N, C-alpha and C. Protein backbone atom coordinates (compact mmCIF):
# COMPACT_ATOMS: atom_id res chain seq x y z
N MET A 1 241.41 46.20 212.28
CA MET A 1 241.00 45.72 210.98
C MET A 1 240.29 44.38 211.15
N SER A 2 239.28 44.14 210.34
CA SER A 2 238.53 42.90 210.44
C SER A 2 239.28 41.75 209.79
N LYS A 3 238.80 40.56 210.04
CA LYS A 3 239.42 39.34 209.52
C LYS A 3 239.26 39.26 208.01
N PRO A 4 240.35 38.99 207.28
CA PRO A 4 240.27 38.89 205.82
C PRO A 4 239.38 37.72 205.39
N THR A 5 238.79 37.85 204.23
CA THR A 5 237.98 36.79 203.64
C THR A 5 238.28 36.76 202.15
N SER A 6 237.76 35.81 201.45
CA SER A 6 237.98 35.75 200.01
C SER A 6 236.71 36.16 199.28
N ILE A 7 236.92 36.73 198.11
CA ILE A 7 235.81 37.11 197.25
C ILE A 7 236.07 36.48 195.89
N LYS A 8 235.11 35.72 195.40
CA LYS A 8 235.27 35.08 194.09
C LYS A 8 234.86 36.06 193.01
N THR A 9 235.72 36.16 192.00
CA THR A 9 235.44 37.04 190.87
C THR A 9 236.15 36.47 189.64
N SER A 10 235.93 37.08 188.51
CA SER A 10 236.57 36.59 187.29
C SER A 10 238.04 37.01 187.25
N GLU A 11 238.80 36.34 186.43
CA GLU A 11 240.21 36.70 186.26
C GLU A 11 240.35 38.12 185.73
N ALA A 12 239.46 38.50 184.82
CA ALA A 12 239.54 39.84 184.23
C ALA A 12 239.34 40.91 185.30
N VAL A 13 238.38 40.70 186.20
CA VAL A 13 238.16 41.67 187.27
C VAL A 13 239.35 41.69 188.21
N ARG A 14 239.83 40.52 188.60
CA ARG A 14 241.00 40.44 189.48
C ARG A 14 242.21 41.16 188.87
N ASP A 15 242.45 40.92 187.58
CA ASP A 15 243.59 41.55 186.91
C ASP A 15 243.43 43.07 186.87
N ARG A 16 242.22 43.53 186.62
CA ARG A 16 241.97 44.98 186.60
C ARG A 16 242.17 45.58 187.99
N LEU A 17 241.68 44.90 189.03
CA LEU A 17 241.88 45.38 190.39
C LEU A 17 243.38 45.44 190.72
N ARG A 18 244.12 44.45 190.30
CA ARG A 18 245.57 44.44 190.55
C ARG A 18 246.24 45.64 189.89
N ILE A 19 245.88 45.93 188.64
CA ILE A 19 246.46 47.08 187.93
C ILE A 19 246.09 48.38 188.62
N LEU A 20 244.80 48.53 188.97
CA LEU A 20 244.36 49.76 189.66
C LEU A 20 245.09 49.93 190.99
N ALA A 21 245.24 48.84 191.73
CA ALA A 21 245.94 48.92 193.01
C ALA A 21 247.40 49.32 192.81
N GLU A 22 248.06 48.72 191.83
CA GLU A 22 249.47 49.06 191.56
C GLU A 22 249.61 50.52 191.17
N GLU A 23 248.71 51.01 190.32
CA GLU A 23 248.77 52.42 189.90
C GLU A 23 248.59 53.37 191.07
N ARG A 24 247.83 52.95 192.08
CA ARG A 24 247.58 53.80 193.24
C ARG A 24 248.57 53.54 194.38
N GLY A 25 249.47 52.58 194.18
CA GLY A 25 250.45 52.27 195.21
C GLY A 25 249.81 51.64 196.44
N THR A 26 248.84 50.77 196.21
CA THR A 26 248.12 50.15 197.32
C THR A 26 247.91 48.68 197.01
N THR A 27 247.14 48.01 197.82
CA THR A 27 246.82 46.60 197.59
C THR A 27 245.37 46.47 197.12
N ILE A 28 245.03 45.30 196.59
CA ILE A 28 243.66 45.06 196.17
C ILE A 28 242.73 45.18 197.38
N THR A 29 243.14 44.65 198.51
CA THR A 29 242.31 44.73 199.72
C THR A 29 242.05 46.18 200.11
N GLU A 30 243.10 46.99 200.13
CA GLU A 30 242.92 48.40 200.48
C GLU A 30 242.06 49.13 199.45
N LEU A 31 242.22 48.79 198.18
CA LEU A 31 241.41 49.39 197.12
C LEU A 31 239.94 49.06 197.33
N LEU A 32 239.64 47.80 197.64
CA LEU A 32 238.26 47.40 197.89
C LEU A 32 237.70 48.05 199.15
N GLU A 33 238.51 48.18 200.19
CA GLU A 33 238.07 48.85 201.41
C GLU A 33 237.73 50.32 201.13
N GLU A 34 238.56 50.97 200.31
CA GLU A 34 238.29 52.37 199.95
C GLU A 34 236.98 52.48 199.19
N LEU A 35 236.76 51.59 198.25
CA LEU A 35 235.53 51.60 197.47
C LEU A 35 234.32 51.38 198.37
N ALA A 36 234.41 50.41 199.27
CA ALA A 36 233.29 50.09 200.15
C ALA A 36 232.94 51.24 201.07
N THR A 37 233.93 52.01 201.50
CA THR A 37 233.64 53.13 202.39
C THR A 37 233.20 54.37 201.62
N ARG A 38 233.62 54.48 200.36
CA ARG A 38 233.29 55.66 199.56
C ARG A 38 231.88 55.59 198.97
N GLU A 39 231.45 54.41 198.57
CA GLU A 39 230.15 54.25 197.94
C GLU A 39 229.05 54.25 198.99
N LEU A 40 228.00 54.99 198.72
CA LEU A 40 226.88 55.08 199.65
C LEU A 40 225.87 53.96 199.38
N THR A 41 225.22 53.51 200.45
CA THR A 41 224.12 52.57 200.29
C THR A 41 222.89 53.35 199.82
N ALA A 42 221.87 52.64 199.40
CA ALA A 42 220.62 53.31 198.97
C ALA A 42 220.04 54.13 200.11
N ALA A 43 220.07 53.59 201.32
CA ALA A 43 219.53 54.31 202.48
C ALA A 43 220.35 55.58 202.76
N GLU A 44 221.66 55.50 202.62
CA GLU A 44 222.51 56.67 202.85
C GLU A 44 222.27 57.74 201.78
N ARG A 45 222.10 57.31 200.52
CA ARG A 45 221.81 58.27 199.44
C ARG A 45 220.48 58.98 199.70
N GLU A 46 219.49 58.21 200.11
CA GLU A 46 218.17 58.77 200.40
C GLU A 46 218.26 59.79 201.53
N GLN A 47 218.99 59.44 202.57
CA GLN A 47 219.16 60.33 203.73
C GLN A 47 219.86 61.63 203.32
N ARG A 48 220.90 61.51 202.52
CA ARG A 48 221.62 62.72 202.08
C ARG A 48 220.78 63.58 201.15
N ALA A 49 219.98 62.94 200.30
CA ALA A 49 219.12 63.71 199.40
C ALA A 49 218.07 64.49 200.20
N ALA A 50 217.49 63.84 201.20
CA ALA A 50 216.50 64.52 202.04
C ALA A 50 217.14 65.67 202.80
N GLN A 51 218.36 65.46 203.29
CA GLN A 51 219.07 66.52 204.01
C GLN A 51 219.37 67.70 203.08
N ALA A 52 219.81 67.41 201.86
CA ALA A 52 220.11 68.48 200.90
C ALA A 52 218.84 69.27 200.57
N ALA A 53 217.74 68.57 200.39
CA ALA A 53 216.47 69.25 200.10
C ALA A 53 216.10 70.19 201.25
N ARG A 54 216.24 69.71 202.49
CA ARG A 54 215.94 70.57 203.65
C ARG A 54 216.83 71.81 203.65
N GLU A 55 218.11 71.62 203.36
CA GLU A 55 219.04 72.75 203.34
C GLU A 55 218.68 73.76 202.25
N LEU A 56 218.09 73.28 201.17
CA LEU A 56 217.67 74.16 200.07
C LEU A 56 216.26 74.70 200.26
N GLY A 57 215.60 74.24 201.30
CA GLY A 57 214.23 74.68 201.55
C GLY A 57 213.22 74.05 200.61
N ILE A 58 213.55 72.87 200.11
CA ILE A 58 212.67 72.16 199.17
C ILE A 58 212.00 71.01 199.89
N GLU A 59 210.70 70.83 199.64
CA GLU A 59 210.01 69.67 200.20
C GLU A 59 210.50 68.43 199.48
N TYR A 60 210.98 67.45 200.22
CA TYR A 60 211.49 66.21 199.62
C TYR A 60 210.33 65.26 199.39
N ASN A 61 209.73 65.36 198.21
CA ASN A 61 208.57 64.54 197.88
C ASN A 61 208.91 63.60 196.72
N GLU A 62 207.95 62.86 196.26
CA GLU A 62 208.19 61.88 195.19
C GLU A 62 208.66 62.54 193.90
N GLN A 63 208.16 63.72 193.59
CA GLN A 63 208.57 64.42 192.37
C GLN A 63 210.06 64.78 192.43
N VAL A 64 210.52 65.28 193.56
CA VAL A 64 211.94 65.63 193.74
C VAL A 64 212.78 64.35 193.72
N ARG A 65 212.30 63.31 194.40
CA ARG A 65 213.00 62.02 194.43
C ARG A 65 213.19 61.49 193.01
N GLN A 66 212.12 61.54 192.19
CA GLN A 66 212.19 61.04 190.81
C GLN A 66 213.13 61.89 189.96
N ALA A 67 213.11 63.20 190.16
CA ALA A 67 214.02 64.07 189.41
C ALA A 67 215.47 63.71 189.72
N GLY A 68 215.75 63.38 190.97
CA GLY A 68 217.10 62.96 191.35
C GLY A 68 217.49 61.65 190.70
N ARG A 69 216.56 60.69 190.70
CA ARG A 69 216.85 59.40 190.05
C ARG A 69 217.12 59.59 188.56
N ASP A 70 216.30 60.44 187.91
CA ASP A 70 216.48 60.70 186.48
C ASP A 70 217.84 61.35 186.20
N ALA A 71 218.24 62.27 187.07
CA ALA A 71 219.53 62.95 186.89
C ALA A 71 220.67 61.94 187.00
N TRP A 72 220.62 61.06 188.01
CA TRP A 72 221.68 60.06 188.16
C TRP A 72 221.69 59.08 187.00
N ALA A 73 220.54 58.74 186.46
CA ALA A 73 220.49 57.84 185.30
C ALA A 73 221.20 58.47 184.11
N LYS A 74 221.01 59.77 183.92
CA LYS A 74 221.69 60.47 182.82
C LYS A 74 223.19 60.52 183.05
N ILE A 75 223.59 60.73 184.29
CA ILE A 75 225.02 60.76 184.61
C ILE A 75 225.64 59.38 184.32
N ARG A 76 224.99 58.31 184.78
CA ARG A 76 225.51 56.95 184.54
C ARG A 76 225.60 56.67 183.05
N ALA A 77 224.61 57.13 182.27
CA ALA A 77 224.63 56.90 180.82
C ALA A 77 225.84 57.56 180.18
N HIS A 78 226.21 58.73 180.68
CA HIS A 78 227.37 59.42 180.14
C HIS A 78 228.69 58.82 180.61
N GLN A 79 228.61 58.00 181.65
CA GLN A 79 229.81 57.33 182.16
C GLN A 79 229.91 55.92 181.59
N GLY A 80 229.12 55.61 180.62
CA GLY A 80 229.16 54.29 180.01
C GLY A 80 228.49 53.21 180.83
N GLY A 81 227.52 53.60 181.67
CA GLY A 81 226.79 52.62 182.45
C GLY A 81 227.40 52.32 183.79
N ALA A 82 228.57 52.91 184.13
CA ALA A 82 229.19 52.67 185.43
C ALA A 82 228.37 53.30 186.52
N ALA A 83 228.39 52.70 187.69
CA ALA A 83 227.65 53.26 188.84
C ALA A 83 228.20 54.63 189.19
N ALA A 84 227.31 55.53 189.47
CA ALA A 84 227.71 56.89 189.82
C ALA A 84 227.85 57.05 191.29
């Protein structure tokens, strides 16, 4: 495990993280580590989208890329603006 560090955030965020960690039977640090490993970077999302297109036999071009962005925007809107 890497060396711990501090992250500055608001009290409201800290309190919410504490509640979420307690509900999951974990710590805030472990909760943040899970989130960091679960969420993809932009480069990872792009790589997976290109791979999925290849598997489907679709040319991964700007039109397909934009359709994907539009779909995720709609999903986020239905989630109340939270990152998808």
